[in-house]
Amino acid sequence: MSADVAARVFAPDIRERLARSVELAPALLTGTLRGAEARTVLAETEILVTGWNCPPLTAEILAPATRLKAVVHAAGSVKPVVTDAVWDRGVVVSSAADANAAPVVSYTLAAITFAAKGALPTAAGYAAGWPSFTERTGADARTVGVIGASRIGRGVIAALTASDAGYRVLLTDPYVTREEAAALGVELVDLSELCRASSIVTVHAPQLPETRGMLSADLLKLIPDGGVVINTARGSLVDTDALARECGAGRLDAFLDVTDPEPLPAGHPLLGLPNVLVTPHVAGAQGSEVRRLGEFAVAEVERFVRGEELVGRLRREELGRLA
């Protein structure tokens, strides 16, 4: 990982804890990992802890790492890092995605709360005068459609179904059975029905070829007037131009932590709309929250050293449908 990432994720106390269970390499590996120093360190490495800005672990990079047994990723998705070469060697892979998911769940729940109150349009009209009680109570926004029962999607579902706010939760996910949906406390529907019935639609599916543009112009039109789209997954899952048209017409509102493209170009319609809040990919671990990533990674290393099952372990066959 880069030096600035290491300093944020592995504070001195976390690094000291890590050093109690393993022998740390004398220097942090950064850059391309193709230099002589990196090759020397990799030749002695049994556990490789990675993070943001780590290059893909290709066969070329891993050639000297003949002793490598595990890759512990102190961040979310391992897709930018783990290649077939890692799996082919039988290396154990773990990700701190669970630790990164909690802040995203919190962000999403905050967005749902604001959406249910009609906060964006109400705030936009505040300059024109104090809104009436009816205007301040918001719409009847108690049906929430969740696209994707990912770890974040399930976290959102758990919070909504436990809430006393009376949310009705719909779910679409091709890998969830009706029995599993019932256990989650949600109604399993197809995507078109979810859009048609939900006043709030929140996106938690992975970025895959088949999910690109899944929330299309036609599906956005099905969301009732006054509906809200929340996206903390990947911008490519939503038709950006179609969403801009719907929000520009005032028919839908949106809370977007991710966009397509990312970042949006200066002057993009979504950046200037009063009923749209765009944040620069901040829903995941930020500030003091990044400690969670380092703590999770260290705990995984400790479990690996003790020969225990890893909490964040990923398997090759799972990666195709994960973020």
C-alpha atoms as a PDB file:
ATOM      1  CA  MET A   1       0.000   0.000   0.000  1.00  0.00           C
ATOM      2  CA  SER A   2       1.079   3.607  -0.241  1.00  0.00           C
ATOM      3  CA  ALA A   3       2.816   5.227   2.726  1.00  0.00           C
ATOM      4  CA  ASP A   4      -0.047   7.643   3.444  1.00  0.00           C
ATOM      5  CA  VAL A   5      -2.544   4.763   3.523  1.00  0.00           C
ATOM      6  CA  ALA A   6      -0.342   2.737   5.866  1.00  0.00           C
ATOM      7  CA  ALA A   7      -0.015   5.675   8.240  1.00  0.00           C
ATOM      8  CA  ARG A   8      -3.795   6.090   8.427  1.00  0.00           C
ATOM      9  CA  VAL A   9      -4.844   2.439   8.566  1.00  0.00           C
ATOM     10  CA  PHE A  10      -2.030   1.176  10.793  1.00  0.00           C
ATOM     11  CA  ALA A  11      -1.635   3.653  13.619  1.00  0.00           C
ATOM     12  CA  PRO A  12       1.398   3.004  15.880  1.00  0.00           C
ATOM     13  CA  ASP A  13      -0.593   0.992  18.424  1.00  0.00           C
ATOM     14  CA  ILE A  14      -2.106  -1.228  15.702  1.00  0.00           C
ATOM     15  CA  ARG A  15       1.292  -1.753  14.082  1.00  0.00           C
ATOM     16  CA  GLU A  16       2.767  -2.671  17.466  1.00  0.00           C
ATOM     17  CA  ARG A  17       0.004  -5.224  17.962  1.00  0.00           C
ATOM     18  CA  LEU A  18       0.756  -6.706  14.536  1.00  0.00           C
ATOM     19  CA  ALA A  19       4.454  -6.973  15.372  1.00  0.00           C
ATOM     20  CA  ARG A  20       3.637  -9.100  18.421  1.00  0.00           C
ATOM     21  CA  SER A  21       2.405 -11.996  16.284  1.00  0.00           C
ATOM     22  CA  VAL A  22       4.655 -11.783  13.210  1.00  0.00           C
ATOM     23  CA  GLU A  23       8.078 -10.536  12.185  1.00  0.00           C
ATOM     24  CA  LEU A  24       7.509  -7.390  10.142  1.00  0.00           C
ATOM     25  CA  ALA A  25       9.588  -6.565   7.100  1.00  0.00           C
ATOM     26  CA  PRO A  26      11.906  -3.640   7.858  1.00  0.00           C
ATOM     27  CA  ALA A  27      10.321  -1.331   5.289  1.00  0.00           C
ATOM     28  CA  LEU A  28       6.866  -0.773   3.818  1.00  0.00           C
ATOM     29  CA  LEU A  29       6.456  -2.038   0.255  1.00  0.00           C
ATOM     30  CA  THR A  30       5.095   0.676  -2.040  1.00  0.00           C
ATOM     31  CA  GLY A  31       5.019   1.445  -5.737  1.00  0.00           C
ATOM     32  CA  THR A  32       4.996  -1.161  -8.485  1.00  0.00           C
ATOM     33  CA  LEU A  33       6.572  -3.989  -6.404  1.00  0.00           C
ATOM     34  CA  ARG A  34       8.883  -4.729  -9.344  1.00  0.00           C
ATOM     35  CA  GLY A  35      12.109  -3.356  -7.894  1.00  0.00           C
ATOM     36  CA  ALA A  36      14.973  -5.348  -6.388  1.00  0.00           C
ATOM     37  CA  GLU A  37      14.083  -4.311  -2.820  1.00  0.00           C
ATOM     38  CA  ALA A  38      10.482  -5.482  -3.245  1.00  0.00           C
ATOM     39  CA  ARG A  39      11.607  -8.801  -4.708  1.00  0.00           C
ATOM     40  CA  THR A  40      13.966  -9.360  -1.777  1.00  0.00           C
ATOM     41  CA  VAL A  41      11.211  -8.699   0.765  1.00  0.00           C
ATOM     42  CA  LEU A  42       8.640 -10.784  -1.103  1.00  0.00           C
ATOM     43  CA  ALA A  43      11.027 -13.731  -1.174  1.00  0.00           C
ATOM     44  CA  GLU A  44      10.817 -13.878   2.639  1.00  0.00           C
ATOM     45  CA  THR A  45       7.133 -13.030   2.967  1.00  0.00           C
ATOM     46  CA  GLU A  46       4.604 -15.557   4.259  1.00  0.00           C
ATOM     47  CA  ILE A  47       1.743 -13.119   4.921  1.00  0.00           C
ATOM     48  CA  LEU A  48       1.243 -10.091   2.706  1.00  0.00           C
ATOM     49  CA  VAL A  49      -0.933  -7.306   4.121  1.00  0.00           C
ATOM     50  CA  THR A  50      -2.254  -5.087   1.339  1.00  0.00           C
ATOM     51  CA  GLY A  51      -4.370  -1.956   1.114  1.00  0.00           C
ATOM     52  CA  TRP A  52      -5.452   0.895  -1.109  1.00  0.00           C
ATOM     53  CA  ASN A  53      -3.021   1.604  -3.969  1.00  0.00           C
ATOM     54  CA  CYS A  54      -1.553  -1.885  -3.976  1.00  0.00           C
ATOM     55  CA  PRO A  55      -0.890  -2.924  -7.589  1.00  0.00           C
ATOM     56  CA  PRO A  56      -2.373  -6.176  -8.944  1.00  0.00           C
ATOM     57  CA  LEU A  57      -0.534  -9.201  -7.600  1.00  0.00           C
ATOM     58  CA  THR A  58       0.367 -10.693 -10.959  1.00  0.00           C
ATOM     59  CA  ALA A  59       2.419 -13.809 -11.646  1.00  0.00           C
ATOM     60  CA  GLU A  60       5.416 -11.571 -12.378  1.00  0.00           C
ATOM     61  CA  ILE A  61       5.191  -9.788  -9.033  1.00  0.00           C
ATOM     62  CA  LEU A  62       4.584 -13.000  -7.113  1.00  0.00           C
ATOM     63  CA  ALA A  63       7.420 -14.922  -8.804  1.00  0.00           C
ATOM     64  CA  PRO A  64       9.874 -14.389  -5.924  1.00  0.00           C
ATOM     65  CA  ALA A  65       7.183 -14.899  -3.243  1.00  0.00           C
ATOM     66  CA  THR A  66       7.618 -18.665  -3.010  1.00  0.00           C
ATOM     67  CA  ARG A  67       6.789 -18.722   0.718  1.00  0.00           C
ATOM     68  CA  LEU A  68       3.570 -16.714   0.475  1.00  0.00           C
ATOM     69  CA  LYS A  69       0.662 -18.327   2.324  1.00  0.00           C
ATOM     70  CA  ALA A  70      -1.885 -15.536   2.811  1.00  0.00           C
ATOM     71  CA  VAL A  71      -2.946 -12.134   1.502  1.00  0.00           C
ATOM     72  CA  VAL A  72      -4.828 -10.030   4.052  1.00  0.00           C
ATOM     73  CA  HIS A  73      -6.397  -6.981   2.421  1.00  0.00           C
ATOM     74  CA  ALA A  74      -6.863  -4.054   4.822  1.00  0.00           C
ATOM     75  CA  ALA A  75      -9.575  -2.519   2.641  1.00  0.00           C
ATOM     76  CA  GLY A  76     -12.802  -3.566   0.903  1.00  0.00           C
ATOM     77  CA  SER A  77     -12.821  -5.153  -2.530  1.00  0.00           C
ATOM     78  CA  VAL A  78      -9.866  -7.386  -3.414  1.00  0.00           C
ATOM     79  CA  LYS A  79     -10.670  -7.337  -7.131  1.00  0.00           C
ATOM     80  CA  PRO A  80      -8.069  -4.657  -7.980  1.00  0.00           C
ATOM     81  CA  VAL A  81      -5.385  -6.635  -6.131  1.00  0.00           C
ATOM     82  CA  VAL A  82      -5.989 -10.390  -6.317  1.00  0.00           C
ATOM     83  CA  THR A  83      -5.367 -12.009  -9.705  1.00  0.00           C
ATOM     84  CA  ASP A  84      -5.604 -15.604 -10.922  1.00  0.00           C
ATOM     85  CA  ALA A  85      -1.949 -16.005  -9.979  1.00  0.00           C
ATOM     86  CA  VAL A  86      -2.864 -15.662  -6.300  1.00  0.00           C
ATOM     87  CA  TRP A  87      -5.622 -18.264  -6.476  1.00  0.00           C
ATOM     88  CA  ASP A  88      -3.515 -20.612  -8.612  1.00  0.00           C
ATOM     89  CA  ARG A  89      -0.905 -20.725  -5.868  1.00  0.00           C
ATOM     90  CA  GLY A  90      -3.504 -21.730  -3.261  1.00  0.00           C
ATOM     91  CA  VAL A  91      -2.876 -18.566  -1.245  1.00  0.00           C
ATOM     92  CA  VAL A  92      -5.506 -17.797   1.407  1.00  0.00           C
ATOM     93  CA  VAL A  93      -7.213 -14.447   0.789  1.00  0.00           C
ATOM     94  CA  SER A  94      -8.997 -12.303   3.370  1.00  0.00           C
ATOM     95  CA  SER A  95     -10.630  -8.875   3.059  1.00  0.00           C
ATOM     96  CA  ALA A  96     -11.630  -6.247   5.616  1.00  0.00           C
ATOM     97  CA  ALA A  97     -14.807  -5.627   3.614  1.00  0.00           C
ATOM     98  CA  ASP A  98     -16.957  -6.266   6.696  1.00  0.00           C
ATOM     99  CA  ALA A  99     -15.134  -3.512   8.565  1.00  0.00           C
ATOM    100  CA  ASN A 100     -15.593  -1.164   5.615  1.00  0.00           C
ATOM    101  CA  ALA A 101     -19.274  -2.077   5.266  1.00  0.00           C
ATOM    102  CA  ALA A 102     -20.416  -0.673   8.604  1.00  0.00           C
ATOM    103  CA  PRO A 103     -19.773   2.996   7.698  1.00  0.00           C
ATOM    104  CA  VAL A 104     -21.533   2.488   4.345  1.00  0.00           C
ATOM    105  CA  VAL A 105     -24.558   1.059   6.126  1.00  0.00           C
ATOM    106  CA  SER A 106     -24.602   4.070   8.448  1.00  0.00           C
ATOM    107  CA  TYR A 107     -24.357   6.476   5.500  1.00  0.00           C
ATOM    108  CA  THR A 108     -27.185   4.684   3.708  1.00  0.00           C
ATOM    109  CA  LEU A 109     -29.448   4.729   6.755  1.00  0.00           C
ATOM    110  CA  ALA A 110     -28.821   8.451   7.166  1.00  0.00           C
ATOM    111  CA  ALA A 111     -29.733   8.980   3.503  1.00  0.00           C
ATOM    112  CA  ILE A 112     -32.910   6.906   3.929  1.00  0.00           C
ATOM    113  CA  THR A 113     -33.869   9.002   6.956  1.00  0.00           C
ATOM    114  CA  PHE A 114     -33.344  12.244   5.037  1.00  0.00           C
ATOM    115  CA  ALA A 115     -35.188  10.802   2.041  1.00  0.00           C
ATOM    116  CA  ALA A 116     -38.190   9.801   4.135  1.00  0.00           C
ATOM    117  CA  LYS A 117     -38.371  13.351   5.489  1.00  0.00           C
ATOM    118  CA  GLY A 118     -38.123  14.928   2.061  1.00  0.00           C
ATOM    119  CA  ALA A 119     -35.103  16.804   3.377  1.00  0.00           C
ATOM    120  CA  LEU A 120     -33.504  17.852   0.083  1.00  0.00           C
ATOM    121  CA  PRO A 121     -36.490  19.570  -1.584  1.00  0.00           C
ATOM    122  CA  THR A 122     -37.602  21.040   1.737  1.00  0.00           C
ATOM    123  CA  ALA A 123     -34.137  22.488   2.379  1.00  0.00           C
ATOM    124  CA  ALA A 124     -33.974  23.835  -1.167  1.00  0.00           C
ATOM    125  CA  GLY A 125     -37.210  25.743  -0.635  1.00  0.00           C
ATOM    126  CA  TYR A 126     -36.224  27.112   2.758  1.00  0.00           C
ATOM    127  CA  ALA A 127     -34.793  30.329   1.296  1.00  0.00           C
ATOM    128  CA  ALA A 128     -38.226  31.186  -0.055  1.00  0.00           C
ATOM    129  CA  GLY A 129     -39.780  30.965   3.389  1.00  0.00           C
ATOM    130  CA  TRP A 130     -40.465  28.711   6.335  1.00  0.00           C
ATOM    131  CA  PRO A 131     -42.250  25.568   5.056  1.00  0.00           C
ATOM    132  CA  SER A 132     -45.681  24.620   6.305  1.00  0.00           C
ATOM    133  CA  PHE A 133     -46.174  21.619   8.571  1.00  0.00           C
ATOM    134  CA  THR A 134     -47.457  19.554   5.630  1.00  0.00           C
ATOM    135  CA  GLU A 135     -44.397  20.431   3.569  1.00  0.00           C
ATOM    136  CA  ARG A 136     -42.114  19.517   6.453  1.00  0.00           C
ATOM    137  CA  THR A 137     -43.586  16.079   7.130  1.00  0.00           C
ATOM    138  CA  GLY A 138     -42.391  14.697   3.797  1.00  0.00           C
ATOM    139  CA  ALA A 139     -43.989  12.056   1.625  1.00  0.00           C
ATOM    140  CA  ASP A 140     -45.327   8.646   2.596  1.00  0.00           C
ATOM    141  CA  ALA A 141     -41.869   7.157   2.168  1.00  0.00           C
ATOM    142  CA  ARG A 142     -42.005   3.930   4.113  1.00  0.00           C
ATOM    143  CA  THR A 143     -41.467   1.377   1.331  1.00  0.00           C
ATOM    144  CA  VAL A 144     -37.757   0.898   0.739  1.00  0.00           C
ATOM    145  CA  GLY A 145     -36.491  -1.177  -2.157  1.00  0.00           C
ATOM    146  CA  VAL A 146     -33.076  -2.757  -1.618  1.00  0.00           C
ATOM    147  CA  ILE A 147     -31.212  -3.842  -4.746  1.00  0.00           C
ATOM    148  CA  GLY A 148     -28.722  -6.519  -3.709  1.00  0.00           C
ATOM    149  CA  ALA A 149     -28.433  -8.547  -0.501  1.00  0.00           C
ATOM    150  CA  SER A 150     -24.704  -7.868  -0.238  1.00  0.00           C
ATOM    151  CA  ARG A 151     -23.055  -7.490   3.163  1.00  0.00           C
ATOM    152  CA  ILE A 152     -23.996  -3.800   3.030  1.00  0.00           C
ATOM    153  CA  GLY A 153     -27.473  -4.532   1.700  1.00  0.00           C
ATOM    154  CA  ARG A 154     -28.060  -7.016   4.500  1.00  0.00           C
ATOM    155  CA  GLY A 155     -26.824  -4.509   7.057  1.00  0.00           C
ATOM    156  CA  VAL A 156     -29.306  -1.941   5.761  1.00  0.00           C
ATOM    157  CA  ILE A 157     -32.087  -4.534   5.772  1.00  0.00           C
ATOM    158  CA  ALA A 158     -31.339  -5.556   9.357  1.00  0.00           C
ATOM    159  CA  ALA A 159     -31.492  -1.959  10.552  1.00  0.00           C
ATOM    160  CA  LEU A 160     -34.699  -1.174   8.658  1.00  0.00           C
ATOM    161  CA  THR A 161     -36.551  -4.284   9.778  1.00  0.00           C
ATOM    162  CA  ALA A 162     -35.500  -3.643  13.395  1.00  0.00           C
ATOM    163  CA  SER A 163     -36.632  -0.021  13.236  1.00  0.00           C
ATOM    164  CA  ASP A 164     -39.866   1.124  14.847  1.00  0.00           C
ATOM    165  CA  ALA A 165     -40.442   3.492  11.914  1.00  0.00           C
ATOM    166  CA  GLY A 166     -42.600   0.908  10.170  1.00  0.00           C
ATOM    167  CA  TYR A 167     -40.593   0.430   6.991  1.00  0.00           C
ATOM    168  CA  ARG A 168     -41.783  -2.087   4.427  1.00  0.00           C
ATOM    169  CA  VAL A 169     -38.673  -3.544   2.792  1.00  0.00           C
ATOM    170  CA  LEU A 170     -38.564  -5.046  -0.689  1.00  0.00           C
ATOM    171  CA  LEU A 171     -35.545  -6.909  -2.032  1.00  0.00           C
ATOM    172  CA  THR A 172     -34.339  -7.972  -5.446  1.00  0.00           C
ATOM    173  CA  ASP A 173     -31.387 -10.354  -5.652  1.00  0.00           C
ATOM    174  CA  PRO A 174     -31.057 -13.339  -8.006  1.00  0.00           C
ATOM    175  CA  TYR A 175     -29.119 -15.344  -5.413  1.00  0.00           C
ATOM    176  CA  VAL A 176     -31.670 -15.055  -2.591  1.00  0.00           C
ATOM    177  CA  THR A 177     -34.476 -17.581  -2.241  1.00  0.00           C
ATOM    178  CA  ARG A 178     -37.943 -16.765  -0.931  1.00  0.00           C
ATOM    179  CA  GLU A 179     -37.154 -18.686   2.233  1.00  0.00           C
ATOM    180  CA  GLU A 180     -34.006 -16.623   2.784  1.00  0.00           C
ATOM    181  CA  ALA A 181     -35.921 -13.418   2.088  1.00  0.00           C
ATOM    182  CA  ALA A 182     -38.540 -14.393   4.645  1.00  0.00           C
ATOM    183  CA  ALA A 183     -35.790 -15.013   7.191  1.00  0.00           C
ATOM    184  CA  LEU A 184     -34.423 -11.532   6.455  1.00  0.00           C
ATOM    185  CA  GLY A 185     -37.890 -10.061   6.973  1.00  0.00           C
ATOM    186  CA  VAL A 186     -38.245  -8.711   3.432  1.00  0.00           C
ATOM    187  CA  GLU A 187     -40.428  -9.325   0.391  1.00  0.00           C
ATOM    188  CA  LEU A 188     -38.561 -10.766  -2.596  1.00  0.00           C
ATOM    189  CA  VAL A 189     -39.661  -9.145  -5.874  1.00  0.00           C
ATOM    190  CA  ASP A 190     -38.225  -8.579  -9.328  1.00  0.00           C
ATOM    191  CA  LEU A 191     -36.505  -5.304 -10.132  1.00  0.00           C
ATOM    192  CA  SER A 192     -39.389  -3.762 -12.045  1.00  0.00           C
ATOM    193  CA  GLU A 193     -41.843  -4.461  -9.210  1.00  0.00           C
ATOM    194  CA  LEU A 194     -39.362  -3.089  -6.691  1.00  0.00           C
ATOM    195  CA  CYS A 195     -39.084   0.178  -8.621  1.00  0.00           C
ATOM    196  CA  ARG A 196     -42.833   0.392  -9.124  1.00  0.00           C
ATOM    197  CA  ALA A 197     -43.631  -0.100  -5.431  1.00  0.00           C
ATOM    198  CA  SER A 198     -40.768   1.704  -3.653  1.00  0.00           C
ATOM    199  CA  SER A 199     -40.656   5.330  -2.612  1.00  0.00           C
ATOM    200  CA  ILE A 200     -36.952   4.902  -1.769  1.00  0.00           C
ATOM    201  CA  VAL A 201     -34.640   2.717  -3.878  1.00  0.00           C
ATOM    202  CA  THR A 202     -31.171   1.978  -2.490  1.00  0.00           C
ATOM    203  CA  VAL A 203     -28.507   0.229  -4.572  1.00  0.00           C
ATOM    204  CA  HIS A 204     -26.166  -2.385  -3.055  1.00  0.00           C
ATOM    205  CA  ALA A 205     -25.363  -4.742  -5.936  1.00  0.00           C
ATOM    206  CA  PRO A 206     -21.807  -5.496  -7.142  1.00  0.00           C
ATOM    207  CA  GLN A 207     -20.327  -4.003 -10.299  1.00  0.00           C
ATOM    208  CA  LEU A 208     -20.429  -6.793 -12.866  1.00  0.00           C
ATOM    209  CA  PRO A 209     -20.904  -6.814 -16.642  1.00  0.00           C
ATOM    210  CA  GLU A 210     -24.505  -7.909 -16.170  1.00  0.00           C
ATOM    211  CA  THR A 211     -25.280  -5.214 -13.591  1.00  0.00           C
ATOM    212  CA  ARG A 212     -24.027  -2.264 -15.619  1.00  0.00           C
ATOM    213  CA  GLY A 213     -26.920   0.140 -16.140  1.00  0.00           C
ATOM    214  CA  MET A 214     -29.298  -2.194 -14.302  1.00  0.00           C
ATOM    215  CA  LEU A 215     -31.264   0.787 -12.982  1.00  0.00           C
ATOM    216  CA  SER A 216     -32.115   1.892 -16.497  1.00  0.00           C
ATOM    217  CA  ALA A 217     -34.149   4.786 -17.856  1.00  0.00           C
ATOM    218  CA  ASP A 218     -37.224   2.568 -18.160  1.00  0.00           C
ATOM    219  CA  LEU A 219     -36.907   1.340 -14.572  1.00  0.00           C
ATOM    220  CA  LEU A 220     -36.295   4.828 -13.190  1.00  0.00           C
ATOM    221  CA  LYS A 221     -39.578   5.886 -14.803  1.00  0.00           C
ATOM    222  CA  LEU A 222     -41.373   3.234 -12.740  1.00  0.00           C
ATOM    223  CA  ILE A 223     -40.343   4.802  -9.415  1.00  0.00           C
ATOM    224  CA  PRO A 224     -43.317   6.849  -8.140  1.00  0.00           C
ATOM    225  CA  ASP A 225     -43.241  10.634  -8.304  1.00  0.00           C
ATOM    226  CA  GLY A 226     -41.345  12.022  -5.328  1.00  0.00           C
ATOM    227  CA  GLY A 227     -39.242   8.877  -5.049  1.00  0.00           C
ATOM    228  CA  VAL A 228     -35.598   8.851  -4.043  1.00  0.00           C
ATOM    229  CA  VAL A 229     -32.616   6.935  -5.447  1.00  0.00           C
ATOM    230  CA  ILE A 230     -29.685   6.203  -3.138  1.00  0.00           C
ATOM    231  CA  ASN A 231     -26.469   4.763  -4.576  1.00  0.00           C
ATOM    232  CA  THR A 232     -23.513   3.815  -2.403  1.00  0.00           C
ATOM    233  CA  ALA A 233     -22.467   0.840  -4.582  1.00  0.00           C
ATOM    234  CA  ARG A 234     -21.008   1.763  -7.973  1.00  0.00           C
ATOM    235  CA  GLY A 235     -22.039   4.546 -10.316  1.00  0.00           C
ATOM    236  CA  SER A 236     -22.175   2.255 -13.341  1.00  0.00           C
ATOM    237  CA  LEU A 237     -25.207   0.444 -11.933  1.00  0.00           C
ATOM    238  CA  VAL A 238     -27.425   3.473 -12.621  1.00  0.00           C
ATOM    239  CA  ASP A 239     -28.092   5.196 -15.956  1.00  0.00           C
ATOM    240  CA  THR A 240     -26.563   8.552 -15.042  1.00  0.00           C
ATOM    241  CA  ASP A 241     -28.104  10.545 -17.883  1.00  0.00           C
ATOM    242  CA  ALA A 242     -31.566   9.134 -17.234  1.00  0.00           C
ATOM    243  CA  LEU A 243     -31.284   9.854 -13.499  1.00  0.00           C
ATOM    244  CA  ALA A 244     -30.191  13.422 -14.252  1.00  0.00           C
ATOM    245  CA  ARG A 245     -33.284  13.878 -16.408  1.00  0.00           C
ATOM    246  CA  GLU A 246     -35.635  12.513 -13.755  1.00  0.00           C
ATOM    247  CA  CYS A 247     -34.065  14.622 -11.010  1.00  0.00           C
ATOM    248  CA  GLY A 248     -33.861  17.676 -13.266  1.00  0.00           C
ATOM    249  CA  ALA A 249     -37.588  17.429 -13.877  1.00  0.00           C
ATOM    250  CA  GLY A 250     -38.128  17.340 -10.114  1.00  0.00           C
ATOM    251  CA  ARG A 251     -39.762  13.931 -10.249  1.00  0.00           C
ATOM    252  CA  LEU A 252     -37.052  12.077  -8.299  1.00  0.00           C
ATOM    253  CA  ASP A 253     -34.478  13.049  -5.682  1.00  0.00           C
ATOM    254  CA  ALA A 254     -31.104  11.351  -5.262  1.00  0.00           C
ATOM    255  CA  PHE A 255     -28.328  10.749  -2.741  1.00  0.00           C
ATOM    256  CA  LEU A 256     -25.236   9.624  -4.647  1.00  0.00           C
ATOM    257  CA  ASP A 257     -21.907   8.686  -3.118  1.00  0.00           C
ATOM    258  CA  VAL A 258     -20.800   7.104  -6.396  1.00  0.00           C
ATOM    259  CA  THR A 259     -21.323   8.231  -9.974  1.00  0.00           C
ATOM    260  CA  ASP A 260     -20.539   7.256 -13.540  1.00  0.00           C
ATOM    261  CA  PRO A 261     -18.150   8.723 -14.486  1.00  0.00           C
ATOM    262  CA  GLU A 262     -16.359   9.314 -11.217  1.00  0.00           C
ATOM    263  CA  PRO A 263     -15.743  12.112 -10.603  1.00  0.00           C
ATOM    264  CA  LEU A 264     -18.478  13.869 -12.527  1.00  0.00           C
ATOM    265  CA  PRO A 265     -17.161  16.557 -14.871  1.00  0.00           C
ATOM    266  CA  ALA A 266     -17.507  20.177 -13.822  1.00  0.00           C
ATOM    267  CA  GLY A 267     -20.903  21.553 -14.725  1.00  0.00           C
ATOM    268  CA  HIS A 268     -22.638  18.179 -14.791  1.00  0.00           C
ATOM    269  CA  PRO A 269     -26.398  18.603 -14.224  1.00  0.00           C
ATOM    270  CA  LEU A 270     -26.425  16.384 -11.118  1.00  0.00           C
ATOM    271  CA  LEU A 271     -23.952  18.696  -9.360  1.00  0.00           C
ATOM    272  CA  GLY A 272     -26.217  21.702  -9.577  1.00  0.00           C
ATOM    273  CA  LEU A 273     -29.627  20.246  -8.710  1.00  0.00           C
ATOM    274  CA  PRO A 274     -31.121  21.224  -5.333  1.00  0.00           C
ATOM    275  CA  ASN A 275     -32.804  17.834  -4.944  1.00  0.00           C
ATOM    276  CA  VAL A 276     -29.570  15.856  -5.444  1.00  0.00           C
ATOM    277  CA  LEU A 277     -26.746  15.368  -2.958  1.00  0.00           C
ATOM    278  CA  VAL A 278     -23.503  14.083  -4.492  1.00  0.00           C
ATOM    279  CA  THR A 279     -20.661  13.152  -2.158  1.00  0.00           C
ATOM    280  CA  PRO A 280     -17.165  12.124  -3.360  1.00  0.00           C
ATOM    281  CA  HIS A 281     -17.138   8.411  -2.466  1.00  0.00           C
ATOM    282  CA  VAL A 282     -16.986   9.008   1.293  1.00  0.00           C
ATOM    283  CA  ALA A 283     -19.521   6.437   2.534  1.00  0.00           C
ATOM    284  CA  GLY A 284     -16.813   3.880   3.322  1.00  0.00           C
ATOM    285  CA  ALA A 285     -14.248   4.169   6.087  1.00  0.00           C
ATOM    286  CA  GLN A 286     -13.079   7.764   6.503  1.00  0.00           C
ATOM    287  CA  GLY A 287     -11.166   9.646   9.176  1.00  0.00           C
ATOM    288  CA  SER A 288     -10.970   7.703  12.427  1.00  0.00           C
ATOM    289  CA  GLU A 289     -13.076   4.929  10.848  1.00  0.00           C
ATOM    290  CA  VAL A 290     -10.077   3.643   8.882  1.00  0.00           C
ATOM    291  CA  ARG A 291      -8.703   2.225  12.136  1.00  0.00           C
ATOM    292  CA  ARG A 292     -11.340  -0.478  11.764  1.00  0.00           C
ATOM    293  CA  LEU A 293      -9.595  -1.717   8.635  1.00  0.00           C
ATOM    294  CA  GLY A 294      -6.225  -2.028  10.340  1.00  0.00           C
ATOM    295  CA  GLU A 295      -7.717  -3.643  13.431  1.00  0.00           C
ATOM    296  CA  PHE A 296      -9.620  -6.156  11.295  1.00  0.00           C
ATOM    297  CA  ALA A 297      -6.515  -7.015   9.259  1.00  0.00           C
ATOM    298  CA  VAL A 298      -4.380  -7.507  12.369  1.00  0.00           C
ATOM    299  CA  ALA A 299      -7.035  -9.748  13.932  1.00  0.00           C
ATOM    300  CA  GLU A 300      -7.061 -11.813  10.734  1.00  0.00           C
ATOM    301  CA  VAL A 301      -3.265 -12.182  10.834  1.00  0.00           C
ATOM    302  CA  GLU A 302      -3.489 -13.271  14.460  1.00  0.00           C
ATOM    303  CA  ARG A 303      -6.134 -15.858  13.571  1.00  0.00           C
ATOM    304  CA  PHE A 304      -4.034 -17.130  10.665  1.00  0.00           C
ATOM    305  CA  VAL A 305      -0.953 -17.515  12.863  1.00  0.00           C
ATOM    306  CA  ARG A 306      -3.024 -19.490  15.381  1.00  0.00           C
ATOM    307  CA  GLY A 307      -4.365 -21.727  12.613  1.00  0.00           C
ATOM    308  CA  GLU A 308      -7.951 -20.512  12.988  1.00  0.00           C
ATOM    309  CA  GLU A 309     -10.524 -19.869  10.271  1.00  0.00           C
ATOM    310  CA  LEU A 310     -10.404 -16.316   8.922  1.00  0.00           C
ATOM    311  CA  VAL A 311     -13.524 -14.202   9.409  1.00  0.00           C
ATOM    312  CA  GLY A 312     -13.029 -12.299   6.154  1.00  0.00           C
ATOM    313  CA  ARG A 313     -11.843 -15.215   4.024  1.00  0.00           C
ATOM    314  CA  LEU A 314     -12.820 -15.112   0.357  1.00  0.00           C
ATOM    315  CA  ARG A 315     -12.871 -17.959  -2.107  1.00  0.00           C
ATOM    316  CA  ARG A 316     -12.215 -17.850  -5.797  1.00  0.00           C
ATOM    317  CA  GLU A 317     -15.696 -19.003  -6.777  1.00  0.00           C
ATOM    318  CA  GLU A 318     -17.316 -16.206  -4.733  1.00  0.00           C
ATOM    319  CA  LEU A 319     -15.428 -13.346  -6.345  1.00  0.00           C
ATOM    320  CA  GLY A 320     -17.549 -13.233  -9.488  1.00  0.00           C
ATOM    321  CA  ARG A 321     -20.569 -11.910  -7.624  1.00  0.00           C
ATOM    322  CA  LEU A 322     -18.871  -9.724  -5.050  1.00  0.00           C
ATOM    323  CA  ALA A 323     -18.103  -6.019  -5.244  1.00  0.00           C
END
